[in-house]
Full PDB file with SEQRES, HELIX, SHEET, SSBOND, CRYST1, ORIGX, SCALE, CONECT and MASTER records, all heavy atoms in Angstrom:
SEQRES   1 A   32  ARG VAL VAL MET THR ASP LEU ILE PRO ILE ALA ASN ALA          
SEQRES   2 A   32  LEU HIS LEU GLU VAL LYS LEU ASP PRO LYS GLU LEU GLN          
SEQRES   3 A   32  ARG HIS TYR PHE THR SER                                      
HELIX    1 AA1 VAL A    2  LEU A   14  1                                  13    
HELIX    2 AA2 PRO A   22  THR A   31  1                                  10    
CRYST1    1.000    1.000    1.000  90.00  90.00  90.00 P 1           1          
ORIGX1      1.000000  0.000000  0.000000        0.00000                         
ORIGX2      0.000000  1.000000  0.000000        0.00000                         
ORIGX3      0.000000  0.000000  1.000000        0.00000                         
SCALE1      1.000000  0.000000  0.000000        0.00000                         
SCALE2      0.000000  1.000000  0.000000        0.00000                         
SCALE3      0.000000  0.000000  1.000000        0.00000                         
ATOM      1  N   ARG A   1     101.996  37.862   0.673  1.00  0.00           N  
ATOM      2  CA  ARG A   1     102.915  37.128  -0.217  1.00  0.00           C  
ATOM      3  C   ARG A   1     103.254  35.708   0.373  1.00  0.00           C  
ATOM      4  O   ARG A   1     103.258  34.707  -0.250  1.00  0.00           O  
ATOM      5  CB  ARG A   1     104.185  37.905  -0.468  1.00  0.00           C  
ATOM      6  CG  ARG A   1     104.001  39.000  -1.497  1.00  0.00           C  
ATOM      7  CD  ARG A   1     105.328  39.707  -1.764  1.00  0.00           C  
ATOM      8  NE  ARG A   1     106.312  38.770  -2.268  1.00  0.00           N  
ATOM      9  CZ  ARG A   1     107.622  39.098  -2.459  1.00  0.00           C  
ATOM     10  NH1 ARG A   1     108.037  40.308  -2.080  1.00  0.00           N  
ATOM     11  NH2 ARG A   1     108.459  38.219  -2.919  1.00  0.00           N  
ATOM     12  N   VAL A   2     103.535  35.721   1.684  1.00  0.00           N  
ATOM     13  CA  VAL A   2     103.862  34.478   2.378  1.00  0.00           C  
ATOM     14  C   VAL A   2     102.719  33.454   2.221  1.00  0.00           C  
ATOM     15  O   VAL A   2     102.882  32.286   1.831  1.00  0.00           O  
ATOM     16  CB  VAL A   2     104.150  34.671   3.869  1.00  0.00           C  
ATOM     17  CG1 VAL A   2     104.224  33.340   4.607  1.00  0.00           C  
ATOM     18  CG2 VAL A   2     105.424  35.457   4.017  1.00  0.00           C  
ATOM     19  N   VAL A   3     101.435  33.907   2.504  1.00  0.00           N  
ATOM     20  CA  VAL A   3     100.264  33.020   2.421  1.00  0.00           C  
ATOM     21  C   VAL A   3     100.030  32.561   1.002  1.00  0.00           C  
ATOM     22  O   VAL A   3      99.796  31.401   0.736  1.00  0.00           O  
ATOM     23  CB  VAL A   3      99.023  33.786   3.021  1.00  0.00           C  
ATOM     24  CG1 VAL A   3      97.776  33.036   2.706  1.00  0.00           C  
ATOM     25  CG2 VAL A   3      99.178  33.905   4.480  1.00  0.00           C  
ATOM     26  N   MET A   4     100.020  33.524   0.046  1.00  0.00           N  
ATOM     27  CA  MET A   4      99.692  33.149  -1.313  1.00  0.00           C  
ATOM     28  C   MET A   4     100.665  32.166  -1.949  1.00  0.00           C  
ATOM     29  O   MET A   4     100.277  31.284  -2.730  1.00  0.00           O  
ATOM     30  CB  MET A   4      99.647  34.390  -2.164  1.00  0.00           C  
ATOM     31  CG  MET A   4      98.527  35.386  -1.798  1.00  0.00           C  
ATOM     32  SD  MET A   4      96.878  34.692  -1.996  1.00  0.00           S  
ATOM     33  CE  MET A   4      96.707  34.815  -3.783  1.00  0.00           C  
ATOM     34  N   THR A   5     101.975  32.235  -1.518  1.00  0.00           N  
ATOM     35  CA  THR A   5     102.947  31.290  -2.042  1.00  0.00           C  
ATOM     36  C   THR A   5     102.538  29.834  -1.770  1.00  0.00           C  
ATOM     37  O   THR A   5     102.704  28.953  -2.609  1.00  0.00           O  
ATOM     38  CB  THR A   5     104.318  31.588  -1.407  1.00  0.00           C  
ATOM     39  OG1 THR A   5     104.643  32.924  -1.717  1.00  0.00           O  
ATOM     40  CG2 THR A   5     105.389  30.626  -1.983  1.00  0.00           C  
ATOM     41  N   ASP A   6     102.002  29.543  -0.567  1.00  0.00           N  
ATOM     42  CA  ASP A   6     101.615  28.222  -0.213  1.00  0.00           C  
ATOM     43  C   ASP A   6     100.155  27.941  -0.478  1.00  0.00           C  
ATOM     44  O   ASP A   6      99.806  26.759  -0.635  1.00  0.00           O  
ATOM     45  CB  ASP A   6     101.894  28.001   1.300  1.00  0.00           C  
ATOM     46  CG  ASP A   6     103.402  27.887   1.605  1.00  0.00           C  
ATOM     47  OD1 ASP A   6     104.100  27.251   0.852  1.00  0.00           O  
ATOM     48  OD2 ASP A   6     103.844  28.503   2.573  1.00  0.00           O  
ATOM     49  N   LEU A   7      99.304  28.956  -0.494  1.00  0.00           N  
ATOM     50  CA  LEU A   7      97.899  28.707  -0.559  1.00  0.00           C  
ATOM     51  C   LEU A   7      97.422  28.475  -2.010  1.00  0.00           C  
ATOM     52  O   LEU A   7      96.480  27.655  -2.233  1.00  0.00           O  
ATOM     53  CB  LEU A   7      97.143  29.919   0.037  1.00  0.00           C  
ATOM     54  CG  LEU A   7      95.604  29.755   0.118  1.00  0.00           C  
ATOM     55  CD1 LEU A   7      95.221  28.591   0.980  1.00  0.00           C  
ATOM     56  CD2 LEU A   7      95.041  31.053   0.666  1.00  0.00           C  
ATOM     57  N   ILE A   8      98.012  29.110  -2.989  1.00  0.00           N  
ATOM     58  CA  ILE A   8      97.496  29.026  -4.365  1.00  0.00           C  
ATOM     59  C   ILE A   8      97.483  27.617  -4.854  1.00  0.00           C  
ATOM     60  O   ILE A   8      96.429  27.109  -5.454  1.00  0.00           O  
ATOM     61  CB  ILE A   8      98.325  29.937  -5.274  1.00  0.00           C  
ATOM     62  CG1 ILE A   8      97.996  31.420  -5.046  1.00  0.00           C  
ATOM     63  CG2 ILE A   8      98.065  29.580  -6.739  1.00  0.00           C  
ATOM     64  CD1 ILE A   8      96.591  31.758  -5.371  1.00  0.00           C  
ATOM     65  N   PRO A   9      98.530  26.758  -4.647  1.00  0.00           N  
ATOM     66  CA  PRO A   9      98.494  25.408  -5.183  1.00  0.00           C  
ATOM     67  C   PRO A   9      97.359  24.574  -4.535  1.00  0.00           C  
ATOM     68  O   PRO A   9      96.698  23.790  -5.151  1.00  0.00           O  
ATOM     69  CB  PRO A   9      99.868  24.838  -4.870  1.00  0.00           C  
ATOM     70  CG  PRO A   9     100.737  26.027  -4.670  1.00  0.00           C  
ATOM     71  CD  PRO A   9      99.861  27.072  -4.136  1.00  0.00           C  
ATOM     72  N   ILE A  10      97.143  24.795  -3.222  1.00  0.00           N  
ATOM     73  CA  ILE A  10      96.106  24.102  -2.496  1.00  0.00           C  
ATOM     74  C   ILE A  10      94.693  24.521  -3.004  1.00  0.00           C  
ATOM     75  O   ILE A  10      93.829  23.687  -3.293  1.00  0.00           O  
ATOM     76  CB  ILE A  10      96.201  24.358  -0.979  1.00  0.00           C  
ATOM     77  CG1 ILE A  10      97.525  23.817  -0.465  1.00  0.00           C  
ATOM     78  CG2 ILE A  10      95.047  23.746  -0.218  1.00  0.00           C  
ATOM     79  CD1 ILE A  10      97.773  24.130   0.970  1.00  0.00           C  
ATOM     80  N   ALA A  11      94.490  25.815  -3.119  1.00  0.00           N  
ATOM     81  CA  ALA A  11      93.225  26.328  -3.620  1.00  0.00           C  
ATOM     82  C   ALA A  11      92.950  25.843  -5.004  1.00  0.00           C  
ATOM     83  O   ALA A  11      91.753  25.492  -5.342  1.00  0.00           O  
ATOM     84  CB  ALA A  11      93.214  27.847  -3.545  1.00  0.00           C  
ATOM     85  N   ASN A  12      93.926  25.824  -5.850  1.00  0.00           N  
ATOM     86  CA  ASN A  12      93.723  25.335  -7.262  1.00  0.00           C  
ATOM     87  C   ASN A  12      93.297  23.868  -7.227  1.00  0.00           C  
ATOM     88  O   ASN A  12      92.422  23.421  -8.001  1.00  0.00           O  
ATOM     89  CB  ASN A  12      94.928  25.513  -8.102  1.00  0.00           C  
ATOM     90  CG  ASN A  12      95.205  26.998  -8.403  1.00  0.00           C  
ATOM     91  OD1 ASN A  12      94.311  27.846  -8.307  1.00  0.00           O  
ATOM     92  ND2 ASN A  12      96.467  27.329  -8.746  1.00  0.00           N  
ATOM     93  N   ALA A  13      93.923  23.054  -6.419  1.00  0.00           N  
ATOM     94  CA  ALA A  13      93.635  21.618  -6.356  1.00  0.00           C  
ATOM     95  C   ALA A  13      92.234  21.381  -5.817  1.00  0.00           C  
ATOM     96  O   ALA A  13      91.574  20.393  -6.229  1.00  0.00           O  
ATOM     97  CB  ALA A  13      94.653  20.903  -5.476  1.00  0.00           C  
ATOM     98  N   LEU A  14      91.752  22.254  -4.946  1.00  0.00           N  
ATOM     99  CA  LEU A  14      90.428  22.058  -4.339  1.00  0.00           C  
ATOM    100  C   LEU A  14      89.372  22.861  -5.076  1.00  0.00           C  
ATOM    101  O   LEU A  14      88.185  22.863  -4.640  1.00  0.00           O  
ATOM    102  CB  LEU A  14      90.464  22.490  -2.872  1.00  0.00           C  
ATOM    103  CG  LEU A  14      91.392  21.743  -1.940  1.00  0.00           C  
ATOM    104  CD1 LEU A  14      91.324  22.311  -0.533  1.00  0.00           C  
ATOM    105  CD2 LEU A  14      90.972  20.274  -1.891  1.00  0.00           C  
ATOM    106  N   HIS A  15      89.757  23.575  -6.120  1.00  0.00           N  
ATOM    107  CA  HIS A  15      88.833  24.450  -6.905  1.00  0.00           C  
ATOM    108  C   HIS A  15      88.166  25.457  -6.036  1.00  0.00           C  
ATOM    109  O   HIS A  15      87.018  25.711  -6.131  1.00  0.00           O  
ATOM    110  CB  HIS A  15      87.759  23.558  -7.569  1.00  0.00           C  
ATOM    111  CG  HIS A  15      88.365  22.408  -8.391  1.00  0.00           C  
ATOM    112  ND1 HIS A  15      89.081  22.602  -9.528  1.00  0.00           N  
ATOM    113  CD2 HIS A  15      88.289  21.096  -8.207  1.00  0.00           C  
ATOM    114  CE1 HIS A  15      89.451  21.451 -10.020  1.00  0.00           C  
ATOM    115  NE2 HIS A  15      89.028  20.490  -9.235  1.00  0.00           N  
ATOM    116  N   LEU A  16      88.960  26.124  -5.194  1.00  0.00           N  
ATOM    117  CA  LEU A  16      88.475  27.206  -4.329  1.00  0.00           C  
ATOM    118  C   LEU A  16      88.983  28.541  -4.802  1.00  0.00           C  
ATOM    119  O   LEU A  16      90.123  28.640  -5.222  1.00  0.00           O  
ATOM    120  CB  LEU A  16      88.961  26.966  -2.892  1.00  0.00           C  
ATOM    121  CG  LEU A  16      88.447  25.738  -2.194  1.00  0.00           C  
ATOM    122  CD1 LEU A  16      89.090  25.576  -0.786  1.00  0.00           C  
ATOM    123  CD2 LEU A  16      86.946  25.758  -1.983  1.00  0.00           C  
ATOM    124  N   GLU A  17      88.098  29.517  -4.747  1.00  0.00           N  
ATOM    125  CA  GLU A  17      88.489  30.862  -5.148  1.00  0.00           C  
ATOM    126  C   GLU A  17      89.235  31.541  -4.016  1.00  0.00           C  
ATOM    127  O   GLU A  17      88.774  31.435  -2.840  1.00  0.00           O  
ATOM    128  CB  GLU A  17      87.213  31.688  -5.535  1.00  0.00           C  
ATOM    129  CG  GLU A  17      87.553  33.103  -6.021  1.00  0.00           C  
ATOM    130  CD  GLU A  17      86.280  33.864  -6.368  1.00  0.00           C  
ATOM    131  OE1 GLU A  17      85.228  33.295  -6.153  1.00  0.00           O  
ATOM    132  OE2 GLU A  17      86.429  34.936  -6.939  1.00  0.00           O  
ATOM    133  N   VAL A  18      90.268  32.219  -4.310  1.00  0.00           N  
ATOM    134  CA  VAL A  18      91.059  32.847  -3.267  1.00  0.00           C  
ATOM    135  C   VAL A  18      90.707  34.384  -3.239  1.00  0.00           C  
ATOM    136  O   VAL A  18      90.988  35.095  -4.211  1.00  0.00           O  
ATOM    137  CB  VAL A  18      92.605  32.739  -3.504  1.00  0.00           C  
ATOM    138  CG1 VAL A  18      93.380  33.490  -2.493  1.00  0.00           C  
ATOM    139  CG2 VAL A  18      92.984  31.292  -3.515  1.00  0.00           C  
ATOM    140  N   LYS A  19      90.074  34.789  -2.138  1.00  0.00           N  
ATOM    141  CA  LYS A  19      89.782  36.213  -1.961  1.00  0.00           C  
ATOM    142  C   LYS A  19      90.254  36.594  -0.597  1.00  0.00           C  
ATOM    143  O   LYS A  19      89.624  36.320   0.416  1.00  0.00           O  
ATOM    144  CB  LYS A  19      88.248  36.442  -1.999  1.00  0.00           C  
ATOM    145  CG  LYS A  19      87.654  36.452  -3.416  1.00  0.00           C  
ATOM    146  CD  LYS A  19      86.198  36.866  -3.366  1.00  0.00           C  
ATOM    147  CE  LYS A  19      85.625  37.045  -4.778  1.00  0.00           C  
ATOM    148  NZ  LYS A  19      84.194  37.475  -4.702  1.00  0.00           N  
ATOM    149  N   LEU A  20      91.494  37.203  -0.574  1.00  0.00           N  
ATOM    150  CA  LEU A  20      92.028  37.648   0.700  1.00  0.00           C  
ATOM    151  C   LEU A  20      92.303  39.103   0.630  1.00  0.00           C  
ATOM    152  O   LEU A  20      92.728  39.660  -0.382  1.00  0.00           O  
ATOM    153  CB  LEU A  20      93.344  36.867   0.914  1.00  0.00           C  
ATOM    154  CG  LEU A  20      93.198  35.336   1.210  1.00  0.00           C  
ATOM    155  CD1 LEU A  20      94.608  34.709   1.319  1.00  0.00           C  
ATOM    156  CD2 LEU A  20      92.396  35.103   2.462  1.00  0.00           C  
ATOM    157  N   ASP A  21      92.104  39.786   1.770  1.00  0.00           N  
ATOM    158  CA  ASP A  21      92.363  41.192   1.926  1.00  0.00           C  
ATOM    159  C   ASP A  21      93.747  41.361   2.500  1.00  0.00           C  
ATOM    160  O   ASP A  21      93.917  41.013   3.657  1.00  0.00           O  
ATOM    161  CB  ASP A  21      91.283  41.835   2.751  1.00  0.00           C  
ATOM    162  CG  ASP A  21      91.480  43.364   2.895  1.00  0.00           C  
ATOM    163  OD1 ASP A  21      92.560  43.830   2.555  1.00  0.00           O  
ATOM    164  OD2 ASP A  21      90.516  44.018   3.353  1.00  0.00           O  
ATOM    165  N   PRO A  22      94.712  41.859   1.690  1.00  0.00           N  
ATOM    166  CA  PRO A  22      96.074  41.990   2.268  1.00  0.00           C  
ATOM    167  C   PRO A  22      96.170  42.782   3.584  1.00  0.00           C  
ATOM    168  O   PRO A  22      96.836  42.448   4.528  1.00  0.00           O  
ATOM    169  CB  PRO A  22      96.866  42.719   1.142  1.00  0.00           C  
ATOM    170  CG  PRO A  22      96.055  42.393  -0.075  1.00  0.00           C  
ATOM    171  CD  PRO A  22      94.656  42.289   0.316  1.00  0.00           C  
ATOM    172  N   LYS A  23      95.393  43.894   3.672  1.00  0.00           N  
ATOM    173  CA  LYS A  23      95.382  44.686   4.887  1.00  0.00           C  
ATOM    174  C   LYS A  23      94.863  43.954   6.032  1.00  0.00           C  
ATOM    175  O   LYS A  23      95.317  44.062   7.198  1.00  0.00           O  
ATOM    176  CB  LYS A  23      94.585  45.997   4.680  1.00  0.00           C  
ATOM    177  CG  LYS A  23      95.260  46.992   3.685  1.00  0.00           C  
ATOM    178  CD  LYS A  23      94.494  48.254   3.588  1.00  0.00           C  
ATOM    179  CE  LYS A  23      95.154  49.218   2.615  1.00  0.00           C  
ATOM    180  NZ  LYS A  23      94.396  50.514   2.527  1.00  0.00           N  
ATOM    181  N   GLU A  24      93.749  43.170   5.834  1.00  0.00           N  
ATOM    182  CA  GLU A  24      93.178  42.416   6.919  1.00  0.00           C  
ATOM    183  C   GLU A  24      94.089  41.302   7.373  1.00  0.00           C  
ATOM    184  O   GLU A  24      94.237  41.023   8.581  1.00  0.00           O  
ATOM    185  CB  GLU A  24      91.838  41.824   6.430  1.00  0.00           C  
ATOM    186  CG  GLU A  24      91.119  41.105   7.524  1.00  0.00           C  
ATOM    187  CD  GLU A  24      89.738  40.536   7.069  1.00  0.00           C  
ATOM    188  OE1 GLU A  24      89.295  40.933   5.976  1.00  0.00           O  
ATOM    189  OE2 GLU A  24      89.239  39.673   7.788  1.00  0.00           O  
ATOM    190  N   LEU A  25      94.764  40.649   6.473  1.00  0.00           N  
ATOM    191  CA  LEU A  25      95.762  39.627   6.813  1.00  0.00           C  
ATOM    192  C   LEU A  25      96.860  40.199   7.639  1.00  0.00           C  
ATOM    193  O   LEU A  25      97.262  39.640   8.721  1.00  0.00           O  
ATOM    194  CB  LEU A  25      96.371  38.984   5.538  1.00  0.00           C  
ATOM    195  CG  LEU A  25      95.614  37.792   4.938  1.00  0.00           C  
ATOM    196  CD1 LEU A  25      96.329  37.348   3.656  1.00  0.00           C  
ATOM    197  CD2 LEU A  25      95.588  36.606   5.900  1.00  0.00           C  
ATOM    198  N   GLN A  26      97.416  41.363   7.196  1.00  0.00           N  
ATOM    199  CA  GLN A  26      98.479  41.986   7.959  1.00  0.00           C  
ATOM    200  C   GLN A  26      98.069  42.401   9.346  1.00  0.00           C  
ATOM    201  O   GLN A  26      98.789  42.220  10.292  1.00  0.00           O  
ATOM    202  CB  GLN A  26      98.971  43.206   7.159  1.00  0.00           C  
ATOM    203  CG  GLN A  26     100.396  43.665   7.480  1.00  0.00           C  
ATOM    204  CD  GLN A  26     101.412  42.762   6.907  1.00  0.00           C  
ATOM    205  OE1 GLN A  26     101.265  42.145   5.826  1.00  0.00           O  
ATOM    206  NE2 GLN A  26     102.517  42.515   7.654  1.00  0.00           N  
ATOM    207  N   ARG A  27      96.800  42.937   9.467  1.00  0.00           N  
ATOM    208  CA  ARG A  27      96.309  43.331  10.777  1.00  0.00           C  
ATOM    209  C   ARG A  27      96.109  42.106  11.707  1.00  0.00           C  
ATOM    210  O   ARG A  27      96.455  42.188  12.870  1.00  0.00           O  
ATOM    211  CB  ARG A  27      94.975  44.059  10.543  1.00  0.00           C  
ATOM    212  CG  ARG A  27      94.394  44.680  11.856  1.00  0.00           C  
ATOM    213  CD  ARG A  27      92.994  45.240  11.647  1.00  0.00           C  
ATOM    214  NE  ARG A  27      92.999  46.133  10.490  1.00  0.00           N  
ATOM    215  CZ  ARG A  27      92.229  45.852   9.407  1.00  0.00           C  
ATOM    216  NH1 ARG A  27      91.527  44.747   9.359  1.00  0.00           N  
ATOM    217  NH2 ARG A  27      92.243  46.706   8.382  1.00  0.00           N  
ATOM    218  N   HIS A  28      95.630  40.980  11.096  1.00  0.00           N  
ATOM    219  CA  HIS A  28      95.413  39.794  11.925  1.00  0.00           C  
ATOM    220  C   HIS A  28      96.776  39.268  12.443  1.00  0.00           C  
ATOM    221  O   HIS A  28      96.879  38.884  13.613  1.00  0.00           O  
ATOM    222  CB  HIS A  28      94.742  38.745  11.092  1.00  0.00           C  
ATOM    223  CG  HIS A  28      94.314  37.530  11.901  1.00  0.00           C  
ATOM    224  ND1 HIS A  28      93.069  37.394  12.479  1.00  0.00           N  
ATOM    225  CD2 HIS A  28      95.003  36.401  12.230  1.00  0.00           C  
ATOM    226  CE1 HIS A  28      92.973  36.261  13.094  1.00  0.00           C  
ATOM    227  NE2 HIS A  28      94.156  35.666  12.961  1.00  0.00           N  
ATOM    228  N   TYR A  29      97.770  39.286  11.610  1.00  0.00           N  
ATOM    229  CA  TYR A  29      99.094  38.803  12.028  1.00  0.00           C  
ATOM    230  C   TYR A  29      99.642  39.660  13.132  1.00  0.00           C  
ATOM    231  O   TYR A  29     100.246  39.159  14.063  1.00  0.00           O  
ATOM    232  CB  TYR A  29     100.042  38.744  10.827  1.00  0.00           C  
ATOM    233  CG  TYR A  29     101.482  38.387  11.159  1.00  0.00           C  
ATOM    234  CD1 TYR A  29     101.814  36.990  11.480  1.00  0.00           C  
ATOM    235  CD2 TYR A  29     102.489  39.290  11.227  1.00  0.00           C  
ATOM    236  CE1 TYR A  29     103.062  36.665  11.862  1.00  0.00           C  
ATOM    237  CE2 TYR A  29     103.782  38.957  11.544  1.00  0.00           C  
ATOM    238  CZ  TYR A  29     104.047  37.654  11.861  1.00  0.00           C  
ATOM    239  OH  TYR A  29     105.342  37.245  12.226  1.00  0.00           O  
ATOM    240  N   PHE A  30      99.433  40.982  12.990  1.00  0.00           N  
ATOM    241  CA  PHE A  30      99.974  41.868  14.025  1.00  0.00           C  
ATOM    242  C   PHE A  30      99.231  41.765  15.392  1.00  0.00           C  
ATOM    243  O   PHE A  30      99.867  41.812  16.422  1.00  0.00           O  
ATOM    244  CB  PHE A  30      99.893  43.315  13.503  1.00  0.00           C  
ATOM    245  CG  PHE A  30     100.479  44.306  14.476  1.00  0.00           C  
ATOM    246  CD1 PHE A  30     101.833  44.470  14.670  1.00  0.00           C  
ATOM    247  CD2 PHE A  30      99.557  45.146  15.162  1.00  0.00           C  
ATOM    248  CE1 PHE A  30     102.306  45.401  15.585  1.00  0.00           C  
ATOM    249  CE2 PHE A  30     100.049  46.087  16.088  1.00  0.00           C  
ATOM    250  CZ  PHE A  30     101.430  46.215  16.256  1.00  0.00           C  
ATOM    251  N   THR A  31      97.926  41.639  15.307  1.00  0.00           N  
ATOM    252  CA  THR A  31      97.146  41.672  16.559  1.00  0.00           C  
ATOM    253  C   THR A  31      96.938  40.275  17.156  1.00  0.00           C  
ATOM    254  O   THR A  31      96.949  40.161  18.400  1.00  0.00           O  
ATOM    255  CB  THR A  31      95.756  42.273  16.323  1.00  0.00           C  
ATOM    256  OG1 THR A  31      95.066  41.498  15.323  1.00  0.00           O  
ATOM    257  CG2 THR A  31      95.914  43.698  15.824  1.00  0.00           C  
ATOM    258  N   SER A  32      96.795  39.229  16.363  1.00  0.00           N  
ATOM    259  CA  SER A  32      96.483  37.905  16.850  1.00  0.00           C  
ATOM    260  C   SER A  32      97.211  36.846  16.111  1.00  0.00           C  
ATOM    261  O   SER A  32      96.636  36.010  15.447  1.00  0.00           O  
ATOM    262  CB  SER A  32      94.939  37.667  16.823  1.00  0.00           C  
ATOM    263  OG  SER A  32      94.233  38.706  17.442  1.00  0.00           O  
TER     264      SER A  32                                                      
MASTER        0    0    0    2    0    0    0    6  263    1    0    3          
END                                                                             
C-alpha cells in the first residue's frame, strides 16, 4: 500500500505497467 500510493501516479505518467508481488515486497523490506 505504501509503494502503490506513490508509484501509481509515476507509472501512469511514464506509461509503465505496475506488476508487483505484495509478498515479495514485504519479504524484501523485512530482509533487506
